[in-house]
C-alpha atoms as a PDB file:
ATOM      1  CA  MET A   1     116.502  63.721  32.583  1.00  0.00           C
ATOM      2  CA  MET A   2     113.811  66.221  31.696  1.00  0.00           C
ATOM      3  CA  TYR A   3     111.701  68.285  34.022  1.00  0.00           C
ATOM      4  CA  GLY A   4     111.116  70.988  31.553  1.00  0.00           C
ATOM      5  CA  ARG A   5     108.692  72.953  29.550  1.00  0.00           C
ATOM      6  CA  HIS A   6     111.443  75.464  28.777  1.00  0.00           C
ATOM      7  CA  HIS A   7     114.083  72.928  27.756  1.00  0.00           C
ATOM      8  CA  ALA A   8     116.779  74.902  29.550  1.00  0.00           C
ATOM      9  CA  GLY A   9     119.162  72.016  29.774  1.00  0.00           C
ATOM     10  CA  ASP A  10     117.726  69.072  31.565  1.00  0.00           C
ATOM     11  CA  LEU A  11     116.040  70.285  34.704  1.00  0.00           C
ATOM     12  CA  VAL A  12     113.262  72.832  34.615  1.00  0.00           C
ATOM     13  CA  LEU A  13     109.950  71.670  36.055  1.00  0.00           C
ATOM     14  CA  SER A  14     106.883  71.385  33.877  1.00  0.00           C
ATOM     15  CA  ASN A  15     103.662  72.847  35.254  1.00  0.00           C
ATOM     16  CA  THR A  16     102.343  69.349  35.875  1.00  0.00           C
ATOM     17  CA  ALA A  17     105.441  68.299  37.830  1.00  0.00           C
ATOM     18  CA  GLU A  18     105.245  71.498  39.876  1.00  0.00           C
ATOM     19  CA  TYR A  19     101.553  70.886  40.613  1.00  0.00           C
ATOM     20  CA  ALA A  20     102.363  67.315  41.628  1.00  0.00           C
ATOM     21  CA  LEU A  21     105.037  68.552  44.031  1.00  0.00           C
ATOM     22  CA  ARG A  22     102.675  71.120  45.541  1.00  0.00           C
ATOM     23  CA  ALA A  23      99.993  68.498  46.113  1.00  0.00           C
ATOM     24  CA  VAL A  24     102.399  65.928  47.561  1.00  0.00           C
ATOM     25  CA  LEU A  25     103.924  68.508  49.908  1.00  0.00           C
ATOM     26  CA  HIS A  26     100.433  69.434  51.090  1.00  0.00           C
ATOM     27  CA  LEU A  27      99.517  65.778  51.631  1.00  0.00           C
ATOM     28  CA  ALA A  28     102.731  65.234  53.586  1.00  0.00           C
ATOM     29  CA  GLY A  29     101.600  67.917  56.026  1.00  0.00           C
ATOM     30  CA  ARG A  30      98.337  66.106  56.767  1.00  0.00           C
ATOM     31  CA  PRO A  31      97.957  63.602  59.609  1.00  0.00           C
ATOM     32  CA  THR A  32      99.272  60.145  58.684  1.00  0.00           C
ATOM     33  CA  GLY A  33      96.590  58.119  56.942  1.00  0.00           C
ATOM     34  CA  ALA A  34      94.223  61.065  56.429  1.00  0.00           C
ATOM     35  CA  TRP A  35      92.446  61.139  53.087  1.00  0.00           C
ATOM     36  CA  THR A  36      92.255  64.505  51.338  1.00  0.00           C
ATOM     37  CA  HIS A  37      89.672  65.301  48.673  1.00  0.00           C
ATOM     38  CA  VAL A  38      90.898  66.607  45.343  1.00  0.00           C
ATOM     39  CA  SER A  39      88.729  69.722  45.789  1.00  0.00           C
ATOM     40  CA  GLU A  40      90.639  70.634  48.977  1.00  0.00           C
ATOM     41  CA  LEU A  41      93.970  70.019  47.248  1.00  0.00           C
ATOM     42  CA  ALA A  42      92.895  72.116  44.261  1.00  0.00           C
ATOM     43  CA  ARG A  43      91.847  74.947  46.550  1.00  0.00           C
ATOM     44  CA  THR A  44      95.037  74.908  48.643  1.00  0.00           C
ATOM     45  CA  THR A  45      97.437  74.476  45.706  1.00  0.00           C
ATOM     46  CA  GLY A  46      95.656  76.830  43.300  1.00  0.00           C
ATOM     47  CA  VAL A  47      95.541  74.154  40.601  1.00  0.00           C
ATOM     48  CA  PRO A  48      92.374  73.600  38.518  1.00  0.00           C
ATOM     49  CA  ARG A  49      90.461  70.655  40.019  1.00  0.00           C
ATOM     50  CA  ASN A  50      90.109  68.546  36.852  1.00  0.00           C
ATOM     51  CA  TYR A  51      93.757  68.992  35.905  1.00  0.00           C
ATOM     52  CA  LEU A  52      94.893  68.171  39.441  1.00  0.00           C
ATOM     53  CA  SER A  53      92.642  65.098  39.546  1.00  0.00           C
ATOM     54  CA  LYS A  54      94.384  63.669  36.470  1.00  0.00           C
ATOM     55  CA  THR A  55      97.792  64.519  37.952  1.00  0.00           C
ATOM     56  CA  LEU A  56      96.954  62.842  41.274  1.00  0.00           C
ATOM     57  CA  ASN A  57      95.684  59.733  39.505  1.00  0.00           C
ATOM     58  CA  GLN A  58      98.996  59.490  37.633  1.00  0.00           C
ATOM     59  CA  LEU A  59     100.807  59.708  40.973  1.00  0.00           C
ATOM     60  CA  ALA A  60      98.567  56.961  42.349  1.00  0.00           C
ATOM     61  CA  ARG A  61      99.313  54.719  39.345  1.00  0.00           C
ATOM     62  CA  ALA A  62     103.027  55.372  39.932  1.00  0.00           C
ATOM     63  CA  GLY A  63     102.708  54.275  43.578  1.00  0.00           C
ATOM     64  CA  VAL A  64     103.464  57.711  45.022  1.00  0.00           C
ATOM     65  CA  LEU A  65      99.899  58.161  46.315  1.00  0.00           C
ATOM     66  CA  ARG A  66      97.026  55.951  47.375  1.00  0.00           C
ATOM     67  CA  SER A  67      93.507  56.837  46.333  1.00  0.00           C
ATOM     68  CA  THR A  68      90.038  55.745  47.299  1.00  0.00           C
ATOM     69  CA  ARG A  69      86.596  56.723  46.064  1.00  0.00           C
ATOM     70  CA  GLY A  70      83.568  57.820  47.986  1.00  0.00           C
ATOM     71  CA  PRO A  71      82.532  60.572  50.367  1.00  0.00           C
ATOM     72  CA  SER A  72      85.320  59.800  52.820  1.00  0.00           C
ATOM     73  CA  GLY A  73      87.842  59.055  50.079  1.00  0.00           C
ATOM     74  CA  GLY A  74      90.518  61.081  48.402  1.00  0.00           C
ATOM     75  CA  PHE A  75      94.303  60.866  48.233  1.00  0.00           C
ATOM     76  CA  ARG A  76      97.142  60.313  50.670  1.00  0.00           C
ATOM     77  CA  LEU A  77     100.821  59.426  50.476  1.00  0.00           C
ATOM     78  CA  ALA A  78     101.471  55.774  49.694  1.00  0.00           C
ATOM     79  CA  GLY A  79     104.364  55.640  52.144  1.00  0.00           C
ATOM     80  CA  PRO A  80     106.412  57.743  54.527  1.00  0.00           C
ATOM     81  CA  ALA A  81     107.431  61.207  53.314  1.00  0.00           C
ATOM     82  CA  SER A  82     110.937  60.401  54.544  1.00  0.00           C
ATOM     83  CA  GLU A  83     111.229  57.702  51.856  1.00  0.00           C
ATOM     84  CA  LEU A  84     109.714  59.691  48.988  1.00  0.00           C
ATOM     85  CA  THR A  85     112.230  61.635  46.905  1.00  0.00           C
ATOM     86  CA  LEU A  86     111.319  64.641  44.802  1.00  0.00           C
ATOM     87  CA  ASP A  87     112.661  62.736  41.794  1.00  0.00           C
ATOM     88  CA  ARG A  88     110.067  60.010  42.354  1.00  0.00           C
ATOM     89  CA  VAL A  89     107.270  62.603  42.549  1.00  0.00           C
ATOM     90  CA  VAL A  90     108.164  64.283  39.248  1.00  0.00           C
ATOM     91  CA  ALA A  91     109.197  61.121  37.360  1.00  0.00           C
ATOM     92  CA  PRO A  92     105.684  60.337  36.012  1.00  0.00           C
ATOM     93  CA  PHE A  93     105.628  63.744  34.315  1.00  0.00           C
ATOM     94  CA  MET A  94     108.974  63.609  32.584  1.00  0.00           C
ATOM     95  CA  GLY A  95     108.631  63.502  28.833  1.00  0.00           C
ATOM     96  CA  LEU A  96     110.667  61.563  26.348  1.00  0.00           C
ATOM     97  CA  ASP A  97     111.710  64.852  24.755  1.00  0.00           C
ATOM     98  CA  THR A  98     114.795  65.075  26.931  1.00  0.00           C
ATOM     99  CA  ALA A  99     117.372  66.535  24.623  1.00  0.00           C
ATOM    100  CA  ARG A 100     116.041  69.493  22.675  1.00  0.00           C
ATOM    101  CA  CYS A 101     118.720  72.068  22.178  1.00  0.00           C
ATOM    102  CA  LEU A 102     118.439  75.559  23.621  1.00  0.00           C
ATOM    103  CA  LEU A 103     120.288  77.123  20.710  1.00  0.00           C
ATOM    104  CA  HIS A 104     119.479  74.961  17.715  1.00  0.00           C
ATOM    105  CA  ASP A 105     116.582  72.988  16.268  1.00  0.00           C
ATOM    106  CA  HIS A 106     118.083  69.530  16.754  1.00  0.00           C
ATOM    107  CA  PRO A 107     118.749  67.093  19.584  1.00  0.00           C
ATOM    108  CA  CYS A 108     121.405  68.045  22.083  1.00  0.00           C
ATOM    109  CA  GLY A 109     123.221  65.988  24.669  1.00  0.00           C
ATOM    110  CA  ASP A 110     126.612  64.800  25.797  1.00  0.00           C
ATOM    111  CA  ALA A 111     127.302  63.169  22.430  1.00  0.00           C
ATOM    112  CA  HIS A 112     126.237  66.254  20.432  1.00  0.00           C
ATOM    113  CA  ALA A 113     126.641  69.092  22.934  1.00  0.00           C
ATOM    114  CA  CYS A 114     126.030  72.723  22.023  1.00  0.00           C
ATOM    115  CA  GLU A 115     127.710  75.616  23.820  1.00  0.00           C
ATOM    116  CA  ALA A 116     124.823  75.987  26.297  1.00  0.00           C
ATOM    117  CA  HIS A 117     124.674  72.252  27.074  1.00  0.00           C
ATOM    118  CA  THR A 118     128.350  72.136  27.936  1.00  0.00           C
ATOM    119  CA  ARG A 119     127.960  74.983  30.440  1.00  0.00           C
ATOM    120  CA  TRP A 120     124.602  73.781  31.806  1.00  0.00           C
ATOM    121  CA  ALA A 121     125.572  70.130  32.350  1.00  0.00           C
ATOM    122  CA  PRO A 122     127.336  70.614  35.725  1.00  0.00           C
ATOM    123  CA  VAL A 123     124.393  72.623  37.067  1.00  0.00           C
ATOM    124  CA  ALA A 124     121.918  70.051  35.742  1.00  0.00           C
ATOM    125  CA  ARG A 125     123.832  67.289  37.536  1.00  0.00           C
ATOM    126  CA  GLN A 126     123.542  69.224  40.802  1.00  0.00           C
ATOM    127  CA  VAL A 127     119.820  69.802  40.369  1.00  0.00           C
ATOM    128  CA  HIS A 128     119.335  66.138  39.467  1.00  0.00           C
ATOM    129  CA  ALA A 129     121.290  65.127  42.586  1.00  0.00           C
ATOM    130  CA  PHE A 130     119.145  67.477  44.684  1.00  0.00           C
ATOM    131  CA  PHE A 131     115.914  65.907  43.391  1.00  0.00           C
ATOM    132  CA  GLY A 132     117.302  62.413  43.939  1.00  0.00           C
ATOM    133  CA  ALA A 133     118.588  63.059  47.457  1.00  0.00           C
ATOM    134  CA  THR A 134     115.870  65.349  48.810  1.00  0.00           C
ATOM    135  CA  THR A 135     112.802  63.748  50.309  1.00  0.00           C
ATOM    136  CA  VAL A 136     109.378  65.235  50.778  1.00  0.00           C
ATOM    137  CA  ALA A 137     110.039  65.096  54.528  1.00  0.00           C
ATOM    138  CA  ASP A 138     113.140  67.252  54.040  1.00  0.00           C
ATOM    139  CA  LEU A 139     110.919  69.990  52.638  1.00  0.00           C
ATOM    140  CA  THR A 140     108.039  69.585  55.059  1.00  0.00           C
ATOM    141  CA  GLY A 141     110.201  69.516  58.173  1.00  0.00           C
ATOM    142  CA  GLY A 142     109.696  73.242  58.458  1.00  0.00           C
ATOM    143  CA  ALA A 143     111.430  76.127  56.780  1.00  0.00           C
ATOM    144  CA  GLU A 144     114.739  75.046  58.297  1.00  0.00           C
ATOM    145  CA  GLY A 145     114.663  71.685  56.476  1.00  0.00           C
ATOM    146  CA  ALA A 146     113.827  73.222  53.119  1.00  0.00           C
ATOM    147  CA  ALA A 147     116.293  76.065  53.544  1.00  0.00           C
ATOM    148  CA  GLY A 148     119.066  73.632  54.461  1.00  0.00           C
ATOM    149  CA  ALA A 149     118.444  71.477  51.404  1.00  0.00           C
ATOM    150  CA  LEU A 150     118.290  74.468  49.069  1.00  0.00           C
ATOM    151  CA  SER A 151     121.331  76.065  50.685  1.00  0.00           C
ATOM    152  CA  SER A 152     123.304  72.861  50.167  1.00  0.00           C
ATOM    153  CA  LEU A 153     122.344  72.772  46.489  1.00  0.00           C
ATOM    154  CA  HIS A 154     123.264  76.444  46.069  1.00  0.00           C
ATOM    155  CA  ARG A 155     126.686  75.953  47.707  1.00  0.00           C
ATOM    156  CA  SER A 156     127.415  72.936  45.502  1.00  0.00           C
ATOM    157  CA  VAL A 157     126.541  74.809  42.320  1.00  0.00           C
ATOM    158  CA  ILE A 158     128.511  77.920  43.321  1.00  0.00           C
ATOM    159  CA  ASP A 159     131.532  75.853  44.401  1.00  0.00           C
ATOM    160  CA  GLY A 160     131.375  73.796  41.209  1.00  0.00           C
ATOM    161  CA  ASP A 161     131.101  70.483  43.059  1.00  0.00           C
ATOM    162  CA  THR A 162     129.359  67.812  41.037  1.00  0.00           C
ATOM    163  CA  PRO A 163     128.195  64.447  42.262  1.00  0.00           C
END
């Protein structure tokens, strides 16, 4: 799986995926059913309005968000934050270029692993598990919820546990 502009293994977020997460986390903090204009989201997330608009429309096409036009329109979550995983939010922005090697100019993966891939793979599995198991609600339930999820990931990586 690829979340990366840096191609450091499998799981580094692209700018677009990060912007999508910021916007979705903001929307999750709004009252249920409230529409939020893209201009407000751009202002609060610090993302250029036109770029964010395209990103939000991709999320709407993917079923992560709902959108409506007009003066009282905007974007909102398509379902409960407790059912929306981080993996689902970033999935529309994952490229097909999933296996570029950190060390060499050729594809890299389990079948043709370089030295970096072999060492990064256990960490990448943990990050992938974190994105698959962590919901938007986990991160918007206050600092305690986010800290607990991140702490769990950190302990798993340090202890060498892999899913």
